[in-house]
Amino acid sequence: MSNRPAIAETSMERLAELRGDITKDVLEIYYRRFPDARESFRVHGLGDVAELEGRMVTTTAFNLLTWAQDRPVAMIEQGTTIVHHHDTLLVGPQWYLGMIDAVLEVLFETIPTSATEERALWFRVRAEIADFIDSVRPEFWRPDKDGALPPFSGS
């Protein structure tokens, strides 16, 4: 990958220009795959589910950009976040990675098929994140019942 930060920034800028607020599209994909996650958002949204949903989609998109631009920083940020989501919020690795996959799927809709290096970047980032999630699973204190993480099924 010649310049991950520049490629990632180009992707996200295009996404913003072409799609604007992606929250609705991401959540449609996410809840279709994980219908039980809707109740988790209701509980943790504390009366403002839409705000939490929007924040989680935005945070996920930002985390993807950060991962592509500065992987060590993203790993530090995500290491405790993944464990906290699992142990405190009862959001396991499947749901966690599912939100990432939903954002990536919407992102891929805006990437030209001819942009092979750009597409390869996001496939690589997704694989790195999945591997990282697996690497922090031994830190969970609650039983991890999620099983193996699925491969990315996006475009």
N, C-alpha and C. Protein backbone atom coordinates (compact mmCIF):
# COMPACT_ATOMS: atom_id res chain seq x y z
N MET A 1 0.87 -1.17 0.00
CA MET A 1 0.00 0.00 0.00
C MET A 1 0.91 1.22 0.00
N SER A 2 0.82 2.00 -1.02
CA SER A 2 1.77 3.10 -1.18
C SER A 2 1.57 4.21 -0.15
N ASN A 3 0.34 4.64 0.12
CA ASN A 3 0.12 5.72 1.07
C ASN A 3 -1.24 5.55 1.74
N ARG A 4 -1.26 4.71 2.75
CA ARG A 4 -2.51 4.40 3.44
C ARG A 4 -3.26 5.64 3.92
N PRO A 5 -2.60 6.59 4.58
CA PRO A 5 -3.35 7.75 5.06
C PRO A 5 -4.05 8.54 3.94
N ALA A 6 -3.37 8.77 2.85
CA ALA A 6 -3.96 9.54 1.76
C ALA A 6 -5.11 8.77 1.10
N ILE A 7 -4.92 7.48 0.91
CA ILE A 7 -5.98 6.67 0.30
C ILE A 7 -7.21 6.64 1.20
N ALA A 8 -6.99 6.45 2.49
CA ALA A 8 -8.11 6.41 3.44
C ALA A 8 -8.85 7.74 3.47
N GLU A 9 -8.10 8.83 3.48
CA GLU A 9 -8.72 10.15 3.49
C GLU A 9 -9.54 10.38 2.23
N THR A 10 -9.02 9.98 1.09
CA THR A 10 -9.76 10.10 -0.16
C THR A 10 -11.08 9.33 -0.09
N SER A 11 -11.02 8.12 0.45
CA SER A 11 -12.23 7.29 0.59
C SER A 11 -13.28 7.98 1.45
N MET A 12 -12.85 8.44 2.61
CA MET A 12 -13.80 9.05 3.54
C MET A 12 -14.35 10.38 3.02
N GLU A 13 -13.51 11.14 2.35
CA GLU A 13 -14.01 12.39 1.76
C GLU A 13 -15.06 12.11 0.69
N ARG A 14 -14.80 11.11 -0.15
CA ARG A 14 -15.77 10.73 -1.18
C ARG A 14 -17.07 10.26 -0.55
N LEU A 15 -16.94 9.45 0.49
CA LEU A 15 -18.12 8.96 1.20
C LEU A 15 -18.96 10.13 1.70
N ALA A 16 -18.31 11.09 2.34
CA ALA A 16 -19.03 12.25 2.86
C ALA A 16 -19.68 13.07 1.74
N GLU A 17 -18.97 13.24 0.65
CA GLU A 17 -19.51 14.02 -0.47
C GLU A 17 -20.69 13.32 -1.14
N LEU A 18 -20.56 12.01 -1.33
CA LEU A 18 -21.60 11.27 -2.06
C LEU A 18 -22.77 10.85 -1.18
N ARG A 19 -22.52 10.56 0.08
CA ARG A 19 -23.57 9.99 0.91
C ARG A 19 -24.00 10.87 2.08
N GLY A 20 -23.15 11.81 2.48
CA GLY A 20 -23.51 12.63 3.63
C GLY A 20 -23.61 11.78 4.88
N ASP A 21 -24.71 11.92 5.61
CA ASP A 21 -24.92 11.17 6.84
C ASP A 21 -25.27 9.72 6.48
N ILE A 22 -24.42 8.82 6.86
CA ILE A 22 -24.59 7.40 6.51
C ILE A 22 -25.29 6.60 7.61
N THR A 23 -25.69 7.27 8.67
CA THR A 23 -26.23 6.57 9.84
C THR A 23 -27.38 5.64 9.47
N LYS A 24 -28.37 6.14 8.77
CA LYS A 24 -29.55 5.33 8.44
C LYS A 24 -29.16 4.10 7.63
N ASP A 25 -28.32 4.29 6.62
CA ASP A 25 -27.91 3.17 5.76
C ASP A 25 -27.13 2.12 6.54
N VAL A 26 -26.22 2.58 7.39
CA VAL A 26 -25.41 1.66 8.19
C VAL A 26 -26.31 0.87 9.15
N LEU A 27 -27.22 1.56 9.82
CA LEU A 27 -28.07 0.88 10.78
C LEU A 27 -29.02 -0.11 10.13
N GLU A 28 -29.48 0.17 8.92
CA GLU A 28 -30.32 -0.80 8.21
C GLU A 28 -29.56 -2.11 8.00
N ILE A 29 -28.33 -1.99 7.56
CA ILE A 29 -27.49 -3.18 7.36
C ILE A 29 -27.23 -3.86 8.70
N TYR A 30 -26.85 -3.09 9.68
CA TYR A 30 -26.47 -3.63 10.99
C TYR A 30 -27.64 -4.36 11.66
N TYR A 31 -28.79 -3.71 11.72
CA TYR A 31 -29.93 -4.33 12.39
C TYR A 31 -30.50 -5.52 11.60
N ARG A 32 -30.32 -5.51 10.32
CA ARG A 32 -30.74 -6.68 9.53
C ARG A 32 -29.90 -7.89 9.93
N ARG A 33 -28.62 -7.68 10.15
CA ARG A 33 -27.72 -8.77 10.53
C ARG A 33 -27.80 -9.11 12.02
N PHE A 34 -28.04 -8.09 12.83
CA PHE A 34 -28.04 -8.25 14.28
C PHE A 34 -29.30 -7.62 14.88
N PRO A 35 -30.46 -8.22 14.66
CA PRO A 35 -31.69 -7.61 15.16
C PRO A 35 -31.72 -7.45 16.68
N ASP A 36 -31.05 -8.32 17.42
CA ASP A 36 -31.03 -8.21 18.88
C ASP A 36 -30.24 -7.00 19.36
N ALA A 37 -29.40 -6.46 18.51
CA ALA A 37 -28.60 -5.28 18.90
C ALA A 37 -29.49 -4.05 19.08
N ARG A 38 -30.64 -4.04 18.46
CA ARG A 38 -31.56 -2.89 18.59
C ARG A 38 -31.93 -2.68 20.07
N GLU A 39 -32.18 -3.77 20.78
CA GLU A 39 -32.53 -3.67 22.21
C GLU A 39 -31.35 -3.13 23.02
N SER A 40 -30.15 -3.53 22.66
CA SER A 40 -28.97 -3.02 23.35
C SER A 40 -28.87 -1.50 23.18
N PHE A 41 -29.12 -1.02 21.98
CA PHE A 41 -29.10 0.43 21.76
C PHE A 41 -30.21 1.11 22.57
N ARG A 42 -31.36 0.48 22.66
CA ARG A 42 -32.47 1.06 23.42
C ARG A 42 -32.06 1.20 24.90
N VAL A 43 -31.48 0.14 25.44
CA VAL A 43 -31.08 0.15 26.84
C VAL A 43 -29.96 1.17 27.09
N HIS A 44 -28.94 1.13 26.26
CA HIS A 44 -27.79 2.01 26.48
C HIS A 44 -28.01 3.44 25.99
N GLY A 45 -29.05 3.64 25.18
CA GLY A 45 -29.35 4.98 24.68
C GLY A 45 -29.95 5.90 25.72
N LEU A 46 -30.39 5.34 26.84
CA LEU A 46 -30.92 6.14 27.96
C LEU A 46 -31.90 7.21 27.50
N GLY A 47 -32.85 6.81 26.67
CA GLY A 47 -33.89 7.73 26.22
C GLY A 47 -33.58 8.46 24.93
N ASP A 48 -32.37 8.34 24.42
CA ASP A 48 -32.02 8.99 23.16
C ASP A 48 -31.25 8.01 22.28
N VAL A 49 -31.99 7.03 21.80
CA VAL A 49 -31.40 5.96 20.99
C VAL A 49 -30.77 6.52 19.72
N ALA A 50 -31.45 7.45 19.07
CA ALA A 50 -30.93 8.01 17.81
C ALA A 50 -29.57 8.68 18.01
N GLU A 51 -29.40 9.34 19.14
CA GLU A 51 -28.12 10.00 19.41
C GLU A 51 -27.02 8.97 19.57
N LEU A 52 -27.30 7.89 20.31
CA LEU A 52 -26.31 6.84 20.49
C LEU A 52 -26.00 6.15 19.17
N GLU A 53 -27.02 5.85 18.40
CA GLU A 53 -26.80 5.21 17.10
C GLU A 53 -25.92 6.08 16.22
N GLY A 54 -26.24 7.37 16.14
CA GLY A 54 -25.45 8.29 15.33
C GLY A 54 -24.02 8.38 15.80
N ARG A 55 -23.85 8.42 17.12
CA ARG A 55 -22.50 8.50 17.68
C ARG A 55 -21.70 7.24 17.38
N MET A 56 -22.34 6.08 17.45
CA MET A 56 -21.62 4.84 17.20
C MET A 56 -21.22 4.71 15.72
N VAL A 57 -22.09 5.13 14.81
CA VAL A 57 -21.75 5.08 13.39
C VAL A 57 -20.61 6.06 13.10
N THR A 58 -20.70 7.26 13.62
CA THR A 58 -19.66 8.26 13.41
C THR A 58 -18.33 7.79 14.01
N THR A 59 -18.38 7.28 15.21
CA THR A 59 -17.17 6.79 15.88
C THR A 59 -16.54 5.65 15.10
N THR A 60 -17.36 4.77 14.58
CA THR A 60 -16.85 3.64 13.80
C THR A 60 -16.15 4.13 12.54
N ALA A 61 -16.77 5.06 11.82
CA ALA A 61 -16.14 5.60 10.61
C ALA A 61 -14.82 6.28 10.96
N PHE A 62 -14.81 7.05 12.04
CA PHE A 62 -13.58 7.72 12.47
C PHE A 62 -12.52 6.70 12.87
N ASN A 63 -12.92 5.64 13.56
CA ASN A 63 -11.96 4.62 13.97
C ASN A 63 -11.35 3.91 12.76
N LEU A 64 -12.16 3.68 11.73
CA LEU A 64 -11.62 3.08 10.50
C LEU A 64 -10.57 4.00 9.88
N LEU A 65 -10.89 5.28 9.81
CA LEU A 65 -9.93 6.25 9.25
C LEU A 65 -8.66 6.28 10.10
N THR A 66 -8.81 6.33 11.41
CA THR A 66 -7.65 6.35 12.29
C THR A 66 -6.82 5.09 12.12
N TRP A 67 -7.48 3.93 12.02
CA TRP A 67 -6.76 2.67 11.85
C TRP A 67 -5.92 2.71 10.58
N ALA A 68 -6.49 3.21 9.50
CA ALA A 68 -5.77 3.26 8.23
C ALA A 68 -4.62 4.26 8.27
N GLN A 69 -4.79 5.34 9.02
CA GLN A 69 -3.78 6.39 9.05
C GLN A 69 -2.70 6.16 10.10
N ASP A 70 -3.08 5.61 11.24
CA ASP A 70 -2.13 5.44 12.34
C ASP A 70 -2.55 4.23 13.18
N ARG A 71 -2.24 3.08 12.67
CA ARG A 71 -2.68 1.82 13.28
C ARG A 71 -2.32 1.70 14.76
N PRO A 72 -1.09 2.02 15.19
CA PRO A 72 -0.78 1.89 16.62
C PRO A 72 -1.68 2.74 17.52
N VAL A 73 -2.00 3.94 17.10
CA VAL A 73 -2.90 4.79 17.88
C VAL A 73 -4.27 4.15 17.97
N ALA A 74 -4.77 3.66 16.86
CA ALA A 74 -6.09 3.01 16.85
C ALA A 74 -6.10 1.78 17.73
N MET A 75 -5.01 1.03 17.72
CA MET A 75 -4.94 -0.18 18.55
C MET A 75 -4.99 0.18 20.03
N ILE A 76 -4.31 1.23 20.42
CA ILE A 76 -4.34 1.67 21.81
C ILE A 76 -5.75 2.09 22.19
N GLU A 77 -6.39 2.88 21.34
CA GLU A 77 -7.75 3.34 21.62
C GLU A 77 -8.73 2.17 21.67
N GLN A 78 -8.62 1.27 20.74
CA GLN A 78 -9.60 0.19 20.62
C GLN A 78 -9.38 -0.95 21.61
N GLY A 79 -8.17 -1.13 22.09
CA GLY A 79 -7.90 -2.23 23.00
C GLY A 79 -8.81 -2.24 24.21
N THR A 80 -8.93 -1.13 24.88
CA THR A 80 -9.80 -1.07 26.05
C THR A 80 -11.26 -0.94 25.66
N THR A 81 -11.53 -0.30 24.54
CA THR A 81 -12.92 -0.12 24.10
C THR A 81 -13.59 -1.45 23.79
N ILE A 82 -12.89 -2.33 23.12
CA ILE A 82 -13.45 -3.63 22.76
C ILE A 82 -13.77 -4.42 24.03
N VAL A 83 -12.84 -4.44 24.96
CA VAL A 83 -13.04 -5.16 26.21
C VAL A 83 -14.19 -4.54 27.00
N HIS A 84 -14.23 -3.22 27.07
CA HIS A 84 -15.32 -2.53 27.79
C HIS A 84 -16.67 -2.86 27.17
N HIS A 85 -16.75 -2.83 25.84
CA HIS A 85 -18.02 -3.15 25.18
C HIS A 85 -18.46 -4.57 25.53
N HIS A 86 -17.53 -5.51 25.54
CA HIS A 86 -17.89 -6.90 25.83
C HIS A 86 -18.29 -7.08 27.29
N ASP A 87 -17.44 -6.62 28.20
CA ASP A 87 -17.63 -6.93 29.61
C ASP A 87 -18.66 -6.05 30.31
N THR A 88 -18.77 -4.80 29.91
CA THR A 88 -19.67 -3.88 30.60
C THR A 88 -20.98 -3.68 29.86
N LEU A 89 -20.91 -3.51 28.55
CA LEU A 89 -22.11 -3.21 27.76
C LEU A 89 -22.74 -4.45 27.14
N LEU A 90 -22.07 -5.59 27.28
CA LEU A 90 -22.54 -6.86 26.70
C LEU A 90 -22.67 -6.79 25.18
N VAL A 91 -21.73 -6.09 24.58
CA VAL A 91 -21.62 -5.99 23.12
C VAL A 91 -20.39 -6.79 22.74
N GLY A 92 -20.63 -8.02 22.29
CA GLY A 92 -19.54 -8.92 21.99
C GLY A 92 -18.85 -8.64 20.67
N PRO A 93 -17.81 -9.40 20.38
CA PRO A 93 -17.03 -9.20 19.16
C PRO A 93 -17.85 -9.25 17.87
N GLN A 94 -18.88 -10.10 17.82
CA GLN A 94 -19.70 -10.18 16.60
C GLN A 94 -20.41 -8.86 16.33
N TRP A 95 -21.06 -8.31 17.36
CA TRP A 95 -21.75 -7.03 17.19
C TRP A 95 -20.77 -5.90 16.93
N TYR A 96 -19.65 -5.94 17.63
CA TYR A 96 -18.64 -4.89 17.47
C TYR A 96 -18.12 -4.85 16.04
N LEU A 97 -17.70 -6.01 15.55
CA LEU A 97 -17.20 -6.08 14.18
C LEU A 97 -18.33 -5.87 13.17
N GLY A 98 -19.54 -6.24 13.55
CA GLY A 98 -20.69 -6.04 12.66
C GLY A 98 -20.92 -4.58 12.32
N MET A 99 -20.71 -3.69 13.29
CA MET A 99 -20.86 -2.25 13.01
C MET A 99 -19.76 -1.79 12.05
N ILE A 100 -18.56 -2.28 12.24
CA ILE A 100 -17.45 -1.96 11.35
C ILE A 100 -17.79 -2.44 9.93
N ASP A 101 -18.28 -3.66 9.82
CA ASP A 101 -18.63 -4.21 8.51
C ASP A 101 -19.74 -3.41 7.84
N ALA A 102 -20.72 -2.96 8.62
CA ALA A 102 -21.82 -2.18 8.04
C ALA A 102 -21.31 -0.85 7.49
N VAL A 103 -20.41 -0.19 8.23
CA VAL A 103 -19.82 1.06 7.73
C VAL A 103 -19.00 0.78 6.47
N LEU A 104 -18.21 -0.27 6.51
CA LEU A 104 -17.40 -0.61 5.33
C LEU A 104 -18.26 -0.93 4.12
N GLU A 105 -19.37 -1.60 4.34
CA GLU A 105 -20.24 -1.92 3.21
C GLU A 105 -20.78 -0.66 2.55
N VAL A 106 -21.18 0.32 3.34
CA VAL A 106 -21.65 1.60 2.78
C VAL A 106 -20.49 2.32 2.10
N LEU A 107 -19.32 2.29 2.72
CA LEU A 107 -18.13 2.90 2.12
C LEU A 107 -17.83 2.28 0.76
N PHE A 108 -17.86 0.95 0.70
CA PHE A 108 -17.54 0.25 -0.55
C PHE A 108 -18.49 0.63 -1.69
N GLU A 109 -19.71 1.00 -1.36
CA GLU A 109 -20.66 1.42 -2.39
C GLU A 109 -20.20 2.68 -3.10
N THR A 110 -19.30 3.45 -2.49
CA THR A 110 -18.83 4.70 -3.09
C THR A 110 -17.46 4.59 -3.74
N ILE A 111 -16.81 3.46 -3.58
CA ILE A 111 -15.47 3.29 -4.14
C ILE A 111 -15.59 2.71 -5.55
N PRO A 112 -15.03 3.37 -6.55
CA PRO A 112 -15.09 2.84 -7.92
C PRO A 112 -14.47 1.45 -7.99
N THR A 113 -15.05 0.59 -8.78
CA THR A 113 -14.51 -0.78 -8.91
C THR A 113 -13.09 -0.76 -9.44
N SER A 114 -12.74 0.28 -10.18
CA SER A 114 -11.38 0.37 -10.73
C SER A 114 -10.34 0.78 -9.68
N ALA A 115 -10.77 1.23 -8.51
CA ALA A 115 -9.86 1.69 -7.46
C ALA A 115 -9.39 0.49 -6.63
N THR A 116 -8.62 -0.38 -7.26
CA THR A 116 -8.23 -1.64 -6.62
C THR A 116 -7.36 -1.43 -5.38
N GLU A 117 -6.46 -0.46 -5.41
CA GLU A 117 -5.61 -0.21 -4.25
C GLU A 117 -6.44 0.29 -3.07
N GLU A 118 -7.41 1.12 -3.36
CA GLU A 118 -8.28 1.65 -2.31
C GLU A 118 -9.13 0.52 -1.70
N ARG A 119 -9.68 -0.32 -2.53
CA ARG A 119 -10.47 -1.45 -2.05
C ARG A 119 -9.58 -2.39 -1.22
N ALA A 120 -8.39 -2.64 -1.71
CA ALA A 120 -7.46 -3.52 -1.00
C ALA A 120 -7.12 -2.96 0.38
N LEU A 121 -6.98 -1.63 0.47
CA LEU A 121 -6.69 -1.01 1.76
C LEU A 121 -7.77 -1.37 2.77
N TRP A 122 -9.03 -1.21 2.41
CA TRP A 122 -10.12 -1.44 3.36
C TRP A 122 -10.28 -2.91 3.71
N PHE A 123 -10.01 -3.79 2.75
CA PHE A 123 -10.01 -5.22 3.08
C PHE A 123 -8.90 -5.53 4.08
N ARG A 124 -7.74 -4.92 3.87
CA ARG A 124 -6.62 -5.13 4.78
C ARG A 124 -6.94 -4.56 6.17
N VAL A 125 -7.48 -3.35 6.22
CA VAL A 125 -7.83 -2.74 7.50
C VAL A 125 -8.84 -3.62 8.24
N ARG A 126 -9.82 -4.10 7.53
CA ARG A 126 -10.85 -4.96 8.17
C ARG A 126 -10.21 -6.22 8.73
N ALA A 127 -9.31 -6.84 7.98
CA ALA A 127 -8.63 -8.05 8.45
C ALA A 127 -7.77 -7.75 9.67
N GLU A 128 -7.09 -6.62 9.66
CA GLU A 128 -6.26 -6.22 10.80
C GLU A 128 -7.12 -6.02 12.05
N ILE A 129 -8.26 -5.38 11.88
CA ILE A 129 -9.15 -5.13 13.01
C ILE A 129 -9.70 -6.45 13.56
N ALA A 130 -10.12 -7.33 12.68
CA ALA A 130 -10.63 -8.63 13.13
C ALA A 130 -9.56 -9.40 13.89
N ASP A 131 -8.34 -9.39 13.38
CA ASP A 131 -7.24 -10.05 14.08
C ASP A 131 -7.00 -9.40 15.45
N PHE A 132 -7.09 -8.08 15.49
CA PHE A 132 -6.87 -7.38 16.76
C PHE A 132 -7.97 -7.71 17.77
N ILE A 133 -9.21 -7.74 17.30
CA ILE A 133 -10.31 -8.12 18.20
C ILE A 133 -10.04 -9.49 18.80
N ASP A 134 -9.64 -10.43 17.95
CA ASP A 134 -9.31 -11.77 18.46
C ASP A 134 -8.16 -11.72 19.47
N SER A 135 -7.21 -10.82 19.26
CA SER A 135 -6.05 -10.76 20.16
C SER A 135 -6.39 -10.23 21.54
N VAL A 136 -7.46 -9.44 21.68
CA VAL A 136 -7.83 -8.91 23.00
C VAL A 136 -8.87 -9.78 23.70
N ARG A 137 -9.40 -10.75 23.03
CA ARG A 137 -10.43 -11.60 23.65
C ARG A 137 -9.96 -12.27 24.94
N PRO A 138 -8.69 -12.65 25.08
CA PRO A 138 -8.27 -13.24 26.37
C PRO A 138 -8.39 -12.26 27.55
N GLU A 139 -8.53 -10.98 27.28
CA GLU A 139 -8.66 -9.98 28.34
C GLU A 139 -10.09 -9.87 28.86
N PHE A 140 -11.07 -10.46 28.18
CA PHE A 140 -12.45 -10.42 28.64
C PHE A 140 -12.56 -11.15 29.97
N TRP A 141 -13.30 -10.60 30.90
CA TRP A 141 -13.55 -11.33 32.13
C TRP A 141 -14.90 -12.02 32.09
N ARG A 142 -15.82 -11.55 31.26
CA ARG A 142 -17.09 -12.27 31.06
C ARG A 142 -16.83 -13.39 30.05
N PRO A 143 -17.56 -14.48 30.14
CA PRO A 143 -17.39 -15.54 29.13
C PRO A 143 -17.63 -15.01 27.72
N ASP A 144 -16.79 -15.39 26.81
CA ASP A 144 -16.89 -14.99 25.41
C ASP A 144 -17.60 -16.10 24.65
N LYS A 145 -18.86 -15.85 24.33
CA LYS A 145 -19.68 -16.87 23.68
C LYS A 145 -19.92 -16.58 22.20
N ASP A 146 -19.20 -15.61 21.65
CA ASP A 146 -19.46 -15.17 20.27
C ASP A 146 -18.94 -16.10 19.19
N GLY A 147 -17.95 -16.88 19.46
CA GLY A 147 -17.39 -17.75 18.44
C GLY A 147 -16.52 -16.99 17.46
N ALA A 148 -16.12 -17.67 16.42
CA ALA A 148 -15.20 -17.10 15.43
C ALA A 148 -15.83 -15.91 14.70
N LEU A 149 -15.00 -14.94 14.39
CA LEU A 149 -15.48 -13.77 13.64
C LEU A 149 -15.61 -14.16 12.17
N PRO A 150 -16.66 -13.66 11.52
CA PRO A 150 -16.89 -14.01 10.12
C PRO A 150 -15.96 -13.24 9.20
N PRO A 151 -15.72 -13.76 8.01
CA PRO A 151 -14.98 -12.97 7.02
C PRO A 151 -15.87 -11.80 6.55
N PHE A 152 -15.23 -10.81 5.99
CA PHE A 152 -15.97 -9.66 5.48
C PHE A 152 -16.71 -10.07 4.23
N SER A 153 -17.99 -9.80 4.18
CA SER A 153 -18.80 -10.20 3.03
C SER A 153 -19.11 -9.02 2.11
N GLY A 154 -18.44 -7.89 2.34
CA GLY A 154 -18.72 -6.68 1.56
C GLY A 154 -18.26 -6.80 0.12
N SER A 155 -18.50 -5.73 -0.60
CA SER A 155 -18.22 -5.67 -2.04
C SER A 155 -16.76 -5.90 -2.36
